[in-house]
């Protein structure tokens, strides 16, 4: 887990850079301020392209909320353009409903939650195809819908999409995995490395172990799917002393 309250990240898109920064900080979107330092560009003939770069800083004004509250995947950030979250979610629902029908799925999209805690929920037959492996297809749908809605509404908020409560089940499963692997790291006294995960999944692990005594977490590797390492406290110091000898 990063000890820094601010981090700069480069990625192919602004959304990917933000997700990567949130995973590295172990923070939820509502707990940070985001500054877009540069937008991506392709460059001439595909050469000399520039990645998106963002600076994400953890807010310090509300420490109680960041320490005690565990945000859910369905949390909808505040709309910065004057449109209410419900209006934006309604627009997103209409676009998503049309999209899944054009894809050939007899599915229904509803809006769940209240206030700013809204999520577009897909239900129907053969929804496993819309979820994909570890939610990858669902992530792609979420990205497309947000690009469409944000362009039309000029909004900076982000809609979250679920399918048959998959996100809730996935979060619960990852939190249980985090506890098991944290216990294993403490018991064996050595780091435990998890399989490569998306920034969304890594953030769940980070948050699950954020206040867990005796272990720390960090992401390692390059690319969108990075590995997460759970380290028992004291292991790095012991290694440092061994190298010094």
Protein backbone atom coordinates (compact mmCIF):
# COMPACT_ATOMS: atom_id res chain seq x y z
CA UNK A 1 0.00 0.00 0.00
CA UNK A 2 1.39 3.38 -0.95
CA UNK A 3 2.20 5.76 1.89
CA UNK A 4 2.02 8.75 -0.43
CA UNK A 5 -1.05 10.95 -0.49
CA UNK A 6 -0.44 11.97 -4.12
CA UNK A 7 0.64 10.07 -7.22
CA UNK A 8 1.11 10.76 -10.94
CA UNK A 9 0.20 8.00 -13.41
CA UNK A 10 0.46 7.59 -17.19
CA UNK A 11 -1.87 5.29 -19.15
CA UNK A 12 -3.53 4.92 -22.53
CA UNK A 13 -6.61 6.89 -21.45
CA UNK A 14 -7.49 9.31 -18.66
CA UNK A 15 -9.93 6.78 -17.13
CA UNK A 16 -7.28 4.05 -17.09
CA UNK A 17 -4.77 6.40 -15.46
CA UNK A 18 -7.30 7.39 -12.76
CA UNK A 19 -8.17 3.74 -12.04
CA UNK A 20 -4.47 2.85 -11.81
CA UNK A 21 -3.82 5.73 -9.41
CA UNK A 22 -6.78 4.77 -7.21
CA UNK A 23 -5.51 1.19 -7.03
CA UNK A 24 -2.01 2.35 -6.09
CA UNK A 25 -3.34 4.68 -3.37
CA UNK A 26 -5.91 2.17 -2.13
CA UNK A 27 -8.55 4.88 -2.37
CA UNK A 28 -12.06 5.31 -3.75
CA UNK A 29 -12.93 7.96 -6.35
CA UNK A 30 -14.85 10.06 -3.81
CA UNK A 31 -11.76 10.26 -1.56
CA UNK A 32 -9.43 11.96 -4.03
CA UNK A 33 -8.97 15.02 -6.23
CA UNK A 34 -7.97 14.40 -9.85
CA UNK A 35 -5.92 16.74 -12.04
CA UNK A 36 -5.51 15.82 -15.71
CA UNK A 37 -1.94 16.82 -16.61
CA UNK A 38 -2.12 15.74 -20.25
CA UNK A 39 -4.59 14.05 -22.58
CA UNK A 40 -3.52 11.18 -24.85
CA UNK A 41 -2.49 11.82 -28.44
CA UNK A 42 -1.56 9.41 -31.22
CA UNK A 43 1.15 11.35 -33.01
CA UNK A 44 1.92 11.42 -36.72
CA UNK A 45 1.66 7.99 -38.45
CA UNK A 46 1.28 6.40 -35.04
CA UNK A 47 4.71 7.61 -33.92
CA UNK A 48 5.52 9.89 -31.02
CA UNK A 49 2.15 9.42 -29.36
CA UNK A 50 1.58 10.72 -25.87
CA UNK A 51 -0.13 8.89 -23.03
CA UNK A 52 -2.66 10.42 -20.68
CA UNK A 53 -1.14 11.64 -17.41
CA UNK A 54 -3.04 12.46 -14.23
CA UNK A 55 -2.19 13.55 -10.70
CA UNK A 56 -4.42 12.00 -8.03
CA UNK A 57 -4.29 13.37 -4.48
CA UNK A 58 -5.99 11.89 -1.46
CA UNK A 59 -8.21 14.42 0.31
CA UNK A 60 -7.25 15.20 3.91
CA UNK A 61 -10.33 17.20 4.92
CA UNK A 62 -12.44 14.16 5.76
CA UNK A 63 -10.14 11.58 7.41
CA UNK A 64 -12.94 9.88 9.30
CA UNK A 65 -14.75 8.98 6.11
CA UNK A 66 -11.66 7.56 4.42
CA UNK A 67 -10.66 5.47 7.42
CA UNK A 68 -13.99 4.06 8.47
CA UNK A 69 -16.19 4.00 5.41
CA UNK A 70 -15.64 1.29 2.80
CA UNK A 71 -17.01 2.60 -0.50
CA UNK A 72 -18.89 0.14 -2.71
CA UNK A 73 -18.34 -0.34 -6.42
CA UNK A 74 -21.69 1.28 -7.10
CA UNK A 75 -20.73 4.67 -5.61
CA UNK A 76 -21.55 7.41 -8.12
CA UNK A 77 -19.35 10.53 -7.87
CA UNK A 78 -20.95 13.94 -7.65
CA UNK A 79 -21.91 15.49 -10.96
CA UNK A 80 -19.90 18.65 -11.54
CA UNK A 81 -21.99 20.16 -14.36
CA UNK A 82 -25.28 20.88 -12.61
CA UNK A 83 -27.06 17.77 -13.89
CA UNK A 84 -28.39 15.66 -11.04
CA UNK A 85 -27.02 12.11 -10.65
CA UNK A 86 -30.50 10.73 -11.36
CA UNK A 87 -30.72 12.65 -14.67
CA UNK A 88 -27.33 11.40 -15.78
CA UNK A 89 -28.15 7.85 -14.70
CA UNK A 90 -31.44 7.99 -16.62
CA UNK A 91 -29.63 9.05 -19.78
CA UNK A 92 -27.05 6.30 -19.24
CA UNK A 93 -29.84 3.75 -18.73
CA UNK A 94 -31.46 4.67 -22.04
CA UNK A 95 -28.16 4.44 -23.93
CA UNK A 96 -27.20 1.14 -22.28
CA UNK A 97 -30.67 -0.36 -22.86
CA UNK A 98 -30.43 0.48 -26.56
CA UNK A 99 -26.89 -0.89 -26.79
CA UNK A 100 -27.59 -4.30 -25.21
CA UNK A 101 -30.69 -4.72 -27.38
CA UNK A 102 -28.67 -3.95 -30.50
CA UNK A 103 -26.20 -6.61 -29.32
CA UNK A 104 -29.06 -9.11 -29.39
CA UNK A 105 -29.71 -9.50 -25.65
CA UNK A 106 -33.25 -9.49 -24.28
CA UNK A 107 -32.12 -7.68 -21.15
CA UNK A 108 -33.60 -4.91 -19.02
CA UNK A 109 -31.61 -2.03 -17.53
CA UNK A 110 -32.82 -0.47 -14.29
CA UNK A 111 -31.43 2.19 -11.95
CA UNK A 112 -30.75 1.04 -8.39
CA UNK A 113 -29.80 2.98 -5.27
CA UNK A 114 -30.64 6.47 -4.03
CA UNK A 115 -29.17 9.96 -4.30
CA UNK A 116 -25.63 9.71 -5.61
CA UNK A 117 -25.35 5.97 -4.88
CA UNK A 118 -26.81 4.91 -8.22
CA UNK A 119 -25.88 2.00 -10.47
CA UNK A 120 -27.20 0.79 -13.83
CA UNK A 121 -28.23 -2.84 -13.30
CA UNK A 122 -28.60 -5.24 -16.26
CA UNK A 123 -30.86 -8.28 -15.86
CA UNK A 124 -32.07 -10.92 -18.28
CA UNK A 125 -31.05 -14.14 -20.03
CA UNK A 126 -27.49 -15.12 -21.02
CA UNK A 127 -26.05 -12.25 -19.01
CA UNK A 128 -22.81 -14.17 -18.38
CA UNK A 129 -21.74 -13.08 -21.86
CA UNK A 130 -22.23 -9.43 -20.88
CA UNK A 131 -20.15 -9.95 -17.73
CA UNK A 132 -17.19 -11.73 -19.32
CA UNK A 133 -14.17 -13.20 -17.54
CA UNK A 134 -13.71 -11.41 -14.20
CA UNK A 135 -16.08 -8.70 -15.44
CA UNK A 136 -13.93 -7.65 -18.41
CA UNK A 137 -16.87 -7.28 -20.82
CA UNK A 138 -18.82 -5.39 -18.17
CA UNK A 139 -15.82 -3.06 -17.72
CA UNK A 140 -15.76 -2.44 -21.48
CA UNK A 141 -19.48 -1.63 -21.53
CA UNK A 142 -19.01 0.75 -18.62
CA UNK A 143 -16.19 2.52 -20.45
CA UNK A 144 -18.21 2.89 -23.68
CA UNK A 145 -21.33 4.19 -21.91
CA UNK A 146 -19.34 6.73 -19.95
CA UNK A 147 -17.61 7.99 -23.10
CA UNK A 148 -20.97 8.40 -24.84
CA UNK A 149 -22.79 10.06 -21.94
CA UNK A 150 -19.91 12.33 -20.88
CA UNK A 151 -19.53 13.59 -24.46
CA UNK A 152 -23.23 14.35 -24.85
CA UNK A 153 -23.80 15.78 -21.36
CA UNK A 154 -20.37 17.40 -20.92
CA UNK A 155 -20.33 15.80 -17.46
CA UNK A 156 -17.31 14.69 -15.44
CA UNK A 157 -19.15 12.12 -13.34
CA UNK A 158 -18.79 8.40 -13.90
CA UNK A 159 -21.62 5.93 -14.20
CA UNK A 160 -21.19 2.42 -12.80
CA UNK A 161 -22.74 -0.61 -14.45
CA UNK A 162 -23.55 -4.00 -12.91
CA UNK A 163 -25.15 -7.17 -14.22
CA UNK A 164 -27.21 -9.49 -12.00
CA UNK A 165 -25.38 -8.10 -8.91
CA UNK A 166 -22.04 -9.38 -10.26
CA UNK A 167 -20.08 -6.42 -8.88
CA UNK A 168 -21.41 -6.97 -5.36
CA UNK A 169 -20.61 -10.70 -5.49
CA UNK A 170 -17.16 -10.04 -6.97
CA UNK A 171 -16.35 -7.48 -4.26
CA UNK A 172 -17.41 -9.88 -1.52
CA UNK A 173 -15.31 -12.66 -3.07
CA UNK A 174 -12.22 -10.44 -3.35
CA UNK A 175 -12.59 -9.20 0.23
CA UNK A 176 -12.68 -12.82 1.41
CA UNK A 177 -9.61 -13.58 -0.74
CA UNK A 178 -7.82 -10.58 0.79
CA UNK A 179 -8.47 -11.84 4.32
CA UNK A 180 -7.28 -15.37 3.49
CA UNK A 181 -4.11 -14.19 1.75
CA UNK A 182 -3.43 -11.65 4.50
CA UNK A 183 -3.68 -14.41 7.10
CA UNK A 184 -1.37 -16.60 4.99
CA UNK A 185 1.23 -13.83 4.67
CA UNK A 186 1.24 -13.31 8.45
CA UNK A 187 1.32 -17.04 9.17
CA UNK A 188 4.18 -17.84 6.77
CA UNK A 189 6.06 -14.60 7.40
CA UNK A 190 6.68 -13.93 3.72
CA UNK A 191 4.97 -11.97 0.91
CA UNK A 192 2.06 -13.47 -0.98
CA UNK A 193 1.63 -12.51 -4.65
CA UNK A 194 -1.82 -12.60 -6.23
CA UNK A 195 -2.65 -13.15 -9.89
CA UNK A 196 -2.69 -10.07 -12.17
CA UNK A 197 -5.81 -7.97 -11.61
CA UNK A 198 -7.53 -4.92 -13.04
CA UNK A 199 -7.22 -1.61 -11.15
CA UNK A 200 -10.83 -2.03 -9.92
CA UNK A 201 -10.10 -5.43 -8.36
CA UNK A 202 -6.75 -4.37 -6.91
CA UNK A 203 -8.42 -1.37 -5.26
CA UNK A 204 -10.87 -3.71 -3.50
CA UNK A 205 -7.96 -5.76 -2.11
CA UNK A 206 -6.10 -2.61 -1.01
CA UNK A 207 -9.17 -1.28 0.81
CA UNK A 208 -9.97 -4.64 2.40
CA UNK A 209 -6.50 -4.78 4.00
CA UNK A 210 -6.06 -1.05 4.57
CA UNK A 211 -6.70 -1.24 8.31
CA UNK A 212 -5.69 -4.89 8.74
CA UNK A 213 -2.85 -5.13 11.30
CA UNK A 214 0.42 -6.80 10.38
CA UNK A 215 0.28 -6.56 6.58
CA UNK A 216 0.76 -4.00 3.82
CA UNK A 217 -0.18 -4.15 0.12
CA UNK A 218 1.41 -2.82 -3.04
CA UNK A 219 0.99 -3.20 -6.79
CA UNK A 220 3.90 -4.25 -8.99
CA UNK A 221 4.54 -4.70 -12.69
CA UNK A 222 3.53 -2.74 -15.77
CA UNK A 223 0.37 -2.43 -17.82
CA UNK A 224 -3.32 -2.41 -16.99
CA UNK A 225 -3.30 -5.84 -15.29
CA UNK A 226 -0.69 -5.66 -12.56
CA UNK A 227 0.02 -8.04 -9.68
CA UNK A 228 -0.69 -7.22 -6.05
CA UNK A 229 1.69 -8.25 -3.27
CA UNK A 230 0.62 -8.69 0.36
CA UNK A 231 3.62 -8.30 2.65
CA UNK A 232 3.80 -9.05 6.39
CA UNK A 233 5.18 -6.10 8.34
CA UNK A 234 8.88 -6.35 9.11
CA UNK A 235 9.71 -8.54 6.12
CA UNK A 236 11.31 -5.74 4.10
CA UNK A 237 13.35 -4.54 7.09
CA UNK A 238 14.62 -8.08 7.71
CA UNK A 239 15.62 -8.41 4.05
CA UNK A 240 17.42 -5.08 4.21
CA UNK A 241 19.49 -6.21 7.20
CA UNK A 242 20.34 -9.48 5.43
CA UNK A 243 21.57 -7.62 2.34
CA UNK A 244 23.62 -5.28 4.52
CA UNK A 245 25.49 -8.25 5.96
